Protein backbone atom coordinates (compact mmCIF):
# COMPACT_ATOMS: atom_id res chain seq x y z
CA MET A 1 36.69 -40.54 3.05
CA ARG A 2 38.87 -40.96 -0.05
CA GLY A 3 35.72 -41.75 -2.05
CA ILE A 4 34.48 -38.20 -1.38
CA ALA A 5 37.42 -36.73 -3.28
CA LEU A 6 35.19 -35.91 -6.24
CA LEU A 7 32.38 -34.74 -4.02
CA LEU A 8 32.40 -31.06 -4.92
CA LEU A 9 32.44 -31.80 -8.63
CA ALA A 10 29.54 -34.22 -8.25
CA CYS A 11 27.54 -31.82 -6.12
CA LEU A 12 28.09 -28.95 -8.53
CA ALA A 13 26.95 -31.13 -11.39
CA GLY A 14 23.42 -30.83 -10.06
CA CYS A 15 22.38 -34.23 -11.35
CA VAL A 16 18.74 -35.19 -10.93
CA ALA A 17 16.89 -38.39 -11.57
CA PRO A 18 15.52 -38.80 -15.06
CA PRO A 19 11.78 -39.43 -15.25
CA THR A 20 10.77 -43.06 -14.91
CA PRO A 21 9.85 -44.41 -18.35
CA ALA A 22 6.25 -45.55 -18.79
CA GLY A 23 5.85 -49.27 -18.29
CA THR A 24 9.05 -49.68 -16.23
CA PRO A 25 8.61 -52.63 -13.82
CA PRO A 26 8.36 -51.53 -10.17
CA PRO A 27 11.34 -52.03 -7.85
CA VAL A 28 11.57 -55.13 -5.68
CA PRO A 29 8.56 -55.10 -3.27
CA GLY A 30 9.36 -53.47 0.04
CA ALA A 31 12.14 -51.24 -1.35
CA ARG A 32 11.91 -47.77 -2.85
CA PRO A 33 14.31 -44.90 -3.67
CA ILE A 34 13.93 -41.91 -1.36
CA THR A 35 16.42 -39.61 -3.13
CA ASP A 36 17.04 -38.46 -6.65
CA VAL A 37 20.17 -39.61 -8.50
CA GLY A 38 23.43 -37.92 -7.54
CA TYR A 39 26.23 -38.37 -5.03
CA HIS A 40 24.03 -40.04 -2.39
CA ASN A 41 25.49 -42.84 -0.27
CA GLU A 42 26.35 -44.00 3.26
CA PRO A 43 22.67 -44.12 4.31
CA PHE A 44 21.42 -44.96 7.78
CA VAL A 45 17.95 -45.51 9.21
CA ALA A 46 16.33 -45.44 12.66
CA VAL A 47 12.87 -46.32 14.03
CA ASP A 48 11.16 -44.48 16.89
CA PRO A 49 10.70 -47.05 19.68
CA ILE A 50 7.53 -45.41 21.02
CA ARG A 51 5.98 -44.58 17.62
CA PRO A 52 7.18 -47.42 15.37
CA ALA A 53 5.55 -45.90 12.28
CA SER A 54 7.96 -42.96 12.63
CA VAL A 55 11.21 -43.58 10.74
CA VAL A 56 14.14 -41.27 9.95
CA ALA A 57 16.81 -41.85 7.29
CA ILE A 58 20.04 -39.95 6.69
CA TRP A 59 22.68 -39.95 3.94
CA GLN A 60 25.46 -37.91 2.33
CA VAL A 61 26.27 -35.59 0.51
CA PRO A 62 25.71 -33.22 2.20
CA ALA A 63 24.39 -34.86 5.38
CA THR A 64 20.64 -34.85 4.73
CA THR A 65 17.66 -36.44 6.47
CA ALA A 66 14.20 -37.65 5.50
CA TRP A 67 11.29 -38.62 7.72
CA SER A 68 8.34 -40.94 7.35
CA ALA A 69 5.26 -41.15 9.59
CA ASP A 70 3.73 -44.17 7.82
CA SER A 71 6.33 -46.93 8.26
CA GLY A 72 8.35 -45.87 5.26
CA ARG A 73 5.59 -45.71 2.66
CA THR A 74 6.13 -42.00 2.02
CA TRP A 75 9.08 -39.72 2.79
CA ALA A 76 9.83 -35.99 3.12
CA THR A 77 13.40 -34.69 2.81
CA VAL A 78 14.76 -32.21 5.39
CA PRO A 79 18.24 -30.64 5.02
CA LEU A 80 20.20 -30.40 8.26
CA PRO A 81 20.89 -26.84 9.46
CA ASP A 82 24.44 -25.48 9.28
CA THR A 83 25.93 -28.14 7.00
CA THR A 84 26.33 -25.53 4.24
CA ALA A 85 28.84 -23.70 6.44
CA TRP A 86 31.34 -26.41 5.50
CA ALA A 87 32.72 -27.53 2.15
CA MET A 88 31.53 -31.08 2.83
CA SER A 89 29.56 -33.10 5.36
CA GLY A 90 29.02 -36.82 5.52
CA ASP A 91 29.62 -40.10 7.36
CA PRO A 92 26.08 -39.66 8.76
CA SER A 93 24.02 -41.83 11.09
CA VAL A 94 20.76 -41.38 13.02
CA TYR A 95 19.36 -42.72 16.31
CA PHE A 96 16.25 -42.49 18.50
CA ASP A 97 16.26 -42.41 22.28
CA ALA A 98 13.59 -44.08 24.41
CA ASP A 99 11.47 -40.91 24.47
CA GLY A 100 11.27 -40.42 20.71
CA HIS A 101 13.97 -37.80 20.21
CA ALA A 102 16.05 -38.35 17.06
CA TYR A 103 19.77 -37.60 16.86
CA ALA A 104 21.61 -36.97 13.58
CA LEU A 105 25.38 -37.53 13.73
CA TYR A 106 27.81 -36.48 10.99
CA ILE A 107 31.25 -35.08 10.22
CA ALA A 108 31.92 -31.78 8.43
CA PHE A 109 35.15 -30.39 7.02
CA GLY A 110 36.94 -28.22 4.52
CA ARG A 111 38.37 -29.82 1.44
CA PRO A 112 41.45 -31.90 2.40
CA LEU A 113 44.59 -31.88 0.30
CA ASN A 114 45.08 -35.62 0.69
CA TYR A 115 42.21 -38.04 1.28
CA ASP A 116 44.51 -40.96 1.99
CA THR A 117 46.68 -39.61 4.81
CA LEU A 118 44.08 -37.51 6.57
CA GLY A 119 46.13 -36.77 9.67
CA LYS A 120 48.86 -35.12 7.60
CA ASP A 121 46.87 -32.89 5.30
CA ALA A 122 43.64 -32.50 7.26
CA PRO A 123 41.56 -29.31 6.95
CA PRO A 124 39.44 -27.78 9.73
CA ASN A 125 36.90 -30.44 10.67
CA GLY A 126 34.64 -31.78 13.36
CA ILE A 127 31.92 -34.19 14.44
CA PHE A 128 28.46 -32.78 15.03
CA VAL A 129 25.11 -33.83 16.49
CA ASN A 130 21.69 -32.34 15.88
CA ARG A 131 18.42 -33.29 17.54
CA SER A 132 14.80 -33.48 16.41
CA ASP A 133 11.88 -33.62 18.82
CA ASP A 134 9.20 -34.21 16.17
CA GLY A 135 10.25 -37.33 14.32
CA GLY A 136 12.72 -35.64 11.97
CA ARG A 137 10.38 -32.95 10.65
CA THR A 138 12.53 -30.18 12.13
CA TRP A 139 15.98 -29.99 13.71
CA ARG A 140 17.66 -27.59 16.10
CA ALA A 141 18.82 -24.36 14.47
CA ALA A 142 22.47 -25.25 15.11
CA PRO A 143 24.22 -28.56 15.86
CA THR A 144 26.43 -29.34 18.83
CA ALA A 145 30.08 -30.17 18.26
CA VAL A 146 31.19 -33.49 19.71
CA ILE A 147 34.71 -32.37 18.80
CA ARG A 148 35.92 -29.60 16.51
CA GLN A 149 39.37 -28.99 15.02
CA PRO A 150 40.26 -25.46 13.85
CA ALA A 151 42.82 -24.68 11.19
CA ARG A 152 46.34 -25.17 12.53
CA ALA A 153 49.49 -27.12 11.77
CA GLY A 154 49.11 -30.88 12.19
CA VAL A 155 45.33 -30.71 12.73
CA PRO A 156 43.87 -34.19 13.38
CA PHE A 157 40.97 -35.46 11.29
CA GLU A 158 37.91 -36.82 13.14
CA ASP A 159 36.33 -39.56 11.05
CA LYS A 160 33.64 -42.24 10.80
CA PRO A 161 31.67 -41.74 14.04
CA MET A 162 28.87 -44.00 15.23
CA ALA A 163 26.72 -43.71 18.34
CA ALA A 164 24.19 -45.33 20.67
CA VAL A 165 21.61 -44.00 23.13
CA ASP A 166 20.89 -45.56 26.52
CA ARG A 167 17.18 -46.48 26.36
CA TYR A 168 16.97 -48.26 29.70
CA ALA A 169 14.96 -47.15 32.74
CA ASP A 170 17.76 -46.14 35.11
CA PRO A 171 17.28 -42.35 35.43
CA ALA A 172 21.00 -41.83 36.10
CA ARG A 173 21.86 -42.79 32.52
CA ARG A 174 18.61 -42.92 30.51
CA GLY A 175 19.03 -40.77 27.41
CA ASN A 176 22.83 -40.68 27.53
CA LEU A 177 24.23 -40.34 24.01
CA TYR A 178 27.54 -42.12 23.36
CA VAL A 179 29.73 -41.40 20.31
CA ALA A 180 32.91 -43.21 19.18
CA TRP A 181 35.10 -42.44 16.18
CA THR A 182 38.55 -42.58 14.58
CA GLU A 183 40.99 -39.73 15.05
CA PHE A 184 43.60 -39.62 12.29
CA ARG A 185 46.77 -38.02 13.59
CA ARG A 186 49.93 -37.22 11.69
CA HIS A 187 51.56 -40.58 12.40
CA GLU A 188 48.78 -42.77 13.82
CA SER A 189 45.07 -43.40 14.26
CA VAL A 190 43.19 -44.07 17.50
CA ILE A 191 39.62 -44.66 18.70
CA LEU A 192 38.10 -41.86 20.79
CA PHE A 193 34.81 -41.61 22.71
CA ALA A 194 32.62 -38.85 24.12
CA ARG A 195 29.24 -38.74 25.82
CA SER A 196 26.36 -36.34 26.29
CA THR A 197 24.12 -36.45 29.36
CA ASP A 198 21.94 -33.46 28.42
CA GLY A 199 20.19 -34.48 25.22
CA GLY A 200 23.06 -33.67 22.88
CA ARG A 201 23.52 -30.06 24.03
CA SER A 202 27.09 -30.67 25.23
CA PHE A 203 29.69 -33.45 25.19
CA SER A 204 32.42 -34.58 27.52
CA ALA A 205 36.08 -34.26 26.63
CA PRO A 206 37.09 -37.26 24.48
CA VAL A 207 38.61 -40.29 26.17
CA LEU A 208 40.92 -42.81 24.51
CA VAL A 209 39.40 -46.26 23.90
CA SER A 210 41.93 -48.17 21.80
CA ASP A 211 45.04 -49.59 23.45
CA ARG A 212 46.80 -49.97 20.10
CA THR A 213 47.47 -47.31 17.50
CA GLY A 214 46.96 -47.84 13.79
CA SER A 215 48.09 -46.39 10.50
CA PRO A 216 47.31 -42.74 9.71
CA LYS A 217 46.04 -43.91 6.32
CA ASP A 218 42.32 -44.19 5.67
CA THR A 219 42.92 -47.14 3.36
CA VAL A 220 45.12 -49.61 5.26
CA GLY A 221 45.83 -50.62 8.84
CA ALA A 222 43.88 -47.87 10.62
CA GLU A 223 41.99 -48.16 13.89
CA GLU A 224 38.67 -47.64 12.15
CA GLY A 225 35.06 -48.66 11.65
CA THR A 226 33.52 -48.04 15.08
CA ASP A 227 30.11 -49.02 16.36
CA VAL A 228 28.56 -48.51 19.80
CA ALA A 229 25.98 -50.43 21.86
CA VAL A 230 24.55 -50.21 25.39
CA GLY A 231 23.72 -53.22 27.57
CA PRO A 232 20.78 -53.54 29.99
CA ASP A 233 23.19 -53.12 32.92
CA GLY A 234 24.47 -49.83 31.54
CA SER A 235 27.67 -51.24 30.05
CA VAL A 236 28.83 -49.28 27.01
CA TYR A 237 30.54 -51.26 24.24
CA VAL A 238 32.69 -49.91 21.40
CA VAL A 239 33.75 -52.18 18.54
CA TRP A 240 36.18 -51.45 15.69
CA SER A 241 38.75 -53.07 13.40
CA ASP A 242 42.45 -52.81 12.64
CA SER A 243 45.19 -54.80 10.91
CA LEU A 244 44.89 -57.68 13.43
CA GLY A 245 41.14 -58.14 13.60
CA ILE A 246 37.93 -57.04 15.31
CA TRP A 247 38.25 -55.42 18.76
CA ILE A 248 35.82 -54.50 21.52
CA ASP A 249 36.16 -52.47 24.70
CA ARG A 250 33.70 -51.91 27.54
CA SER A 251 32.95 -49.11 29.95
CA ASP A 252 31.24 -49.90 33.26
CA ASP A 253 30.76 -46.27 34.32
CA ALA A 254 28.63 -44.82 31.50
CA GLY A 255 31.55 -44.02 29.25
CA ARG A 256 33.84 -42.22 31.67
CA HIS A 257 36.56 -44.88 31.43
CA PHE A 258 37.26 -47.96 29.33
CA GLY A 259 39.14 -51.15 30.15
CA ALA A 260 41.45 -53.40 28.17
CA ASP A 261 40.65 -54.08 24.53
CA ARG A 262 39.39 -57.60 23.79
CA LEU A 263 39.91 -59.35 20.48
CA VAL A 264 36.61 -60.59 19.06
CA ALA A 265 38.26 -62.39 16.13
CA HIS A 266 41.47 -62.40 14.14
CA THR A 267 40.74 -61.41 10.55
CA PRO A 268 42.58 -60.68 7.34
CA ASP A 269 42.57 -57.05 6.29
CA ILE A 270 38.91 -56.02 6.10
CA VAL A 271 39.51 -53.17 3.65
CA PHE A 272 39.40 -55.10 0.39
CA SER A 273 38.49 -54.83 -3.27
CA ILE A 274 35.16 -55.73 -4.84
CA PRO A 275 35.03 -55.71 -8.65
CA GLY A 276 32.76 -52.98 -9.95
CA ILE A 277 32.94 -50.44 -7.09
CA GLU A 278 35.55 -47.96 -5.94
CA ARG A 279 36.27 -49.61 -2.58
CA ALA A 280 34.76 -51.88 0.05
CA ASN A 281 35.25 -52.96 3.64
CA GLY A 282 33.95 -55.24 6.36
CA TYR A 283 33.69 -52.80 9.30
CA PRO A 284 32.02 -54.39 12.34
CA GLY A 285 28.69 -53.67 13.99
CA VAL A 286 27.60 -54.55 17.54
CA GLU A 287 24.20 -55.20 19.14
CA VAL A 288 23.05 -56.31 22.61
CA ASP A 289 20.05 -58.48 23.47
CA PRO A 290 18.26 -56.25 26.03
CA ARG A 291 16.87 -59.28 27.86
CA SER A 292 19.93 -61.48 28.25
CA GLY A 293 22.75 -59.00 27.68
CA ARG A 294 24.27 -61.28 25.02
CA LEU A 295 26.54 -59.44 22.58
CA TYR A 296 26.47 -59.88 18.81
CA VAL A 297 29.23 -58.58 16.52
CA ALA A 298 28.97 -58.90 12.73
CA TRP A 299 31.59 -58.03 10.11
CA VAL A 300 32.88 -59.09 6.68
CA ASP A 301 36.27 -60.60 5.95
CA PRO A 302 37.91 -62.58 3.10
CA ARG A 303 39.31 -65.48 5.15
CA ARG A 304 37.63 -67.96 2.76
CA GLY A 305 38.64 -66.12 -0.38
CA ALA A 306 35.63 -64.06 -1.38
CA PRO A 307 34.55 -61.73 1.45
CA THR A 308 31.50 -62.87 3.40
CA VAL A 309 29.59 -61.97 6.56
CA PHE A 310 30.57 -63.43 9.93
CA LEU A 311 28.95 -63.28 13.37
CA ALA A 312 30.44 -63.87 16.82
CA THR A 313 28.60 -63.78 20.15
CA SER A 314 29.53 -63.33 23.80
CA GLY A 315 27.55 -64.22 26.90
CA ASP A 316 30.05 -62.79 29.41
CA ARG A 317 30.07 -59.08 28.53
CA GLY A 318 32.71 -59.45 25.87
CA ALA A 319 35.33 -61.37 27.87
CA THR A 320 35.17 -64.40 25.56
CA TRP A 321 33.72 -64.93 22.11
CA SER A 322 32.26 -67.75 20.08
CA PRO A 323 34.10 -68.87 16.93
CA PRO A 324 32.98 -66.75 13.95
CA ARG A 325 29.89 -68.17 12.22
CA GLU A 326 29.29 -67.49 8.53
CA VAL A 327 26.03 -65.63 7.84
CA GLY A 328 25.96 -64.83 4.14
CA GLY A 329 25.12 -68.31 2.91
CA GLN A 330 28.17 -68.97 0.73
CA THR A 331 28.19 -72.42 -0.87
CA ARG A 332 30.25 -74.20 -3.49
CA THR A 333 27.85 -72.90 -6.10
CA ASP A 334 27.73 -69.39 -4.62
CA SER A 335 31.12 -68.18 -3.45
CA LEU A 336 30.58 -64.59 -4.58
CA PRO A 337 31.43 -61.63 -2.31
CA ARG A 338 29.30 -60.00 0.35
CA PHE A 339 30.23 -56.65 1.90
CA PHE A 340 29.01 -53.63 3.94
CA SER A 341 27.15 -55.55 6.62
CA SER A 342 24.88 -53.79 9.12
CA ILE A 343 23.26 -55.34 12.21
CA SER A 344 20.21 -54.64 14.38
CA PHE A 345 18.29 -56.39 17.16
CA ASP A 346 14.51 -56.08 17.56
CA PRO A 347 13.79 -55.95 21.31
CA SER A 348 10.11 -56.74 20.76
CA THR A 349 10.76 -60.04 18.97
CA THR A 350 14.43 -60.84 19.84
CA ARG A 351 14.99 -61.11 16.08
CA LEU A 352 18.53 -60.42 14.85
CA ALA A 353 18.69 -58.73 11.44
CA LEU A 354 21.59 -58.10 9.10
CA GLY A 355 21.78 -56.33 5.76
CA TYR A 356 24.63 -56.50 3.23
CA TYR A 357 25.44 -56.35 -0.45
CA HIS A 358 25.69 -59.61 -2.40
CA VAL A 359 27.53 -59.81 -5.73
CA LEU A 360 25.57 -61.88 -8.26
CA PRO A 361 26.92 -64.30 -10.92
CA SER A 362 26.12 -61.66 -13.56
CA GLY A 363 28.55 -59.26 -11.90
CA GLU A 364 25.67 -57.09 -10.71
CA MET A 365 25.06 -56.65 -7.00
CA ARG A 366 22.02 -56.20 -4.79
CA TYR A 367 21.21 -55.69 -1.14
CA GLU A 368 20.20 -58.72 0.92
CA LEU A 369 18.48 -59.23 4.28
CA ALA A 370 19.39 -62.03 6.68
CA TRP A 371 17.56 -62.68 9.94
CA SER A 372 17.77 -65.11 12.83
CA ASP A 373 15.18 -66.10 15.41
CA ASP A 374 17.50 -68.42 17.34
CA ALA A 375 20.19 -66.08 18.67
CA GLY A 376 22.26 -66.22 15.50
CA ARG A 377 22.61 -69.99 15.25
CA SER A 378 20.86 -70.07 11.87
CA PHE A 379 19.76 -67.48 9.31
CA ASP A 380 17.19 -67.10 6.59
CA ARG A 381 17.86 -64.73 3.70
CA LEU A 382 15.78 -62.55 1.42
CA PRO A 383 16.83 -60.55 -1.68
CA TRP A 384 15.89 -57.02 -0.72
CA GLY A 385 17.25 -54.66 -3.35
CA ALA A 386 17.13 -54.55 -7.13
CA PRO A 387 20.25 -55.72 -9.00
CA PHE A 388 22.50 -52.93 -10.29
CA THR A 389 25.89 -52.52 -11.93
CA GLY A 390 28.63 -50.82 -9.92
CA ASN A 391 30.43 -49.19 -12.87
CA GLY A 392 33.41 -48.41 -10.64
CA GLU A 393 31.51 -45.89 -8.55
CA PHE A 394 31.58 -45.14 -4.81
CA LEU A 395 28.82 -46.73 -2.69
CA GLY A 396 30.11 -45.27 0.55
CA ASP A 397 31.59 -47.24 3.44
CA TYR A 398 28.47 -48.68 5.07
CA THR A 399 24.71 -49.26 5.00
CA GLY A 400 22.12 -49.15 7.80
CA VAL A 401 19.58 -51.52 9.34
CA ASP A 402 17.16 -50.98 12.24
CA ALA A 403 14.47 -53.27 13.66
CA ALA A 404 11.53 -52.54 15.95
CA ASP A 405 8.00 -53.74 16.59
CA GLY A 406 8.37 -56.70 14.22
CA LEU A 407 9.50 -54.64 11.23
CA ILE A 408 13.00 -54.43 9.79
CA TYR A 409 14.18 -51.39 7.84
CA GLY A 410 17.26 -51.21 5.67
CA ALA A 411 18.91 -48.24 3.96
CA TRP A 412 21.41 -48.76 1.18
CA THR A 413 22.77 -47.22 -2.03
CA GLU A 414 21.86 -48.39 -5.52
CA LEU A 415 23.10 -47.10 -8.86
CA ALA A 416 20.59 -46.16 -11.52
CA SER A 417 21.17 -47.32 -15.09
CA PRO A 418 23.27 -44.68 -16.85
CA PRO A 419 21.73 -42.65 -19.66
CA SER A 420 23.53 -42.75 -22.99
CA SER A 421 25.20 -39.43 -22.18
CA ALA A 422 26.57 -40.59 -18.80
CA PRO A 423 30.30 -40.15 -18.07
CA SER A 424 32.45 -43.17 -18.67
CA ALA A 425 33.79 -45.22 -15.79
CA ALA A 426 37.22 -43.79 -16.50
CA GLU A 427 35.94 -40.29 -15.75
CA HIS A 428 34.77 -41.70 -12.46
CA GLU A 429 32.16 -39.12 -11.56
CA PRO A 430 29.83 -40.76 -9.00
CA VAL A 431 26.57 -39.16 -10.11
CA ARG A 432 24.17 -42.11 -10.42
CA ALA A 433 23.79 -43.15 -6.78
CA ARG A 434 20.49 -43.00 -4.91
CA VAL A 435 19.38 -44.04 -1.43
CA VAL A 436 16.87 -46.87 -1.16
CA VAL A 437 14.94 -47.82 1.97
CA GLY A 438 13.46 -51.30 2.34
CA ARG A 439 10.94 -52.64 4.82
CA ALA A 440 10.25 -56.26 5.76
CA GLY A 441 7.86 -57.72 8.27
CA PRO A 442 6.11 -60.87 9.51
CA GLN A 443 3.54 -62.84 7.60
CA GLU A 444 1.41 -65.86 8.36
CA GLY A 445 2.69 -69.25 7.27
CA ARG A 446 6.03 -70.95 7.33
CA THR A 447 8.18 -68.15 5.95
CA PRO A 448 9.06 -65.84 8.85
CA LEU A 449 9.53 -62.72 6.73
CA GLN A 450 8.36 -61.32 3.46
CA ALA A 451 9.12 -58.12 1.67
CA ALA A 452 6.58 -55.54 2.73
CA PRO A 453 4.21 -54.40 -0.04
CA ARG A 454 4.82 -51.12 -1.81
């Protein structure tokens, strides 16, 4: 959350997108901005499994949603209720259950005194969920707190939540909403978990997932970067990172209890520097093949020098893992960084999709799509976003990808070209960011994917 330190200043600036000059070439096919230009980052996207043309996106700041009923061709923005009651809201994500209900997840808080050691100087804060029953057009009048911390001495800070919904047929757990996150305490950080069995109206008391504790700092050595997935047998998986590597834990009773943490892979520190942006990381994501139960975990680490995307798989419910396989396509002639990977699995095609940023030889960066039709053994890649210059600004801490019904959607942040009156990089006001959503789908012929037409 350190990158939100200038959030209030950016929001008060009231920046809007300048009009598009006549004759400007269109963006890369299949990708279009859905916000104006301002402090807009950490986007996420979800597809309705029963109405695949219905798509919802979410981003900060504040936590804001948009919906599309035509497979992402047009969008309407919908602010989330109650976010204005807090100084800031962000770290958002969005999910659909099997019956078409959408869930928006986000944190909200007062302005902290110290964005680095959140457990020491944390303000009142909490994690919240709201629900839409009409594809994101409207949301409940008030959200539900997953956890909420009032003002008091030594208040913890609840950060970076992610979630999953059980979409399987078993009526005992169908529709369960599972949330995992980092709790920054005064001297440590841990991974916590809570569940809702009533459509997001209430949540269980948090349970501890991580066996280890990490640093209380948001920037080094924390237990941080969670993701959640549900297997066809009802197993609930939580993945995260710390100073040793990528970890996973499993619950066999719908999130009531968790077992021993398992190491997916040893990694170098996956909070690293990328030239041109404020900060970067390689937080992991997890997906489950709903037919076989095979687990896929993707992340970014700099073990080969420049950070790149890796994938590991497990066929025994996370007990053992394959050696990490490089995804990003680095070669001797292209050893430039990748970062902010996101992973999704299309149950209708068994296609595995990943999105991530790729730094170009020019120093610009753009978003890239990688996909696999052979259980992650090989990948094809497609440039998805338009190149842009980072200018030292904050892109957030993650991007989002979702896949359903043969289509893959990605949501990421791009920076618009600065006008001549823009602040200098030294002033560091992140006012040029906008959320872009891309769509890719099948085509006839040898190439399995193409960018969808605008």
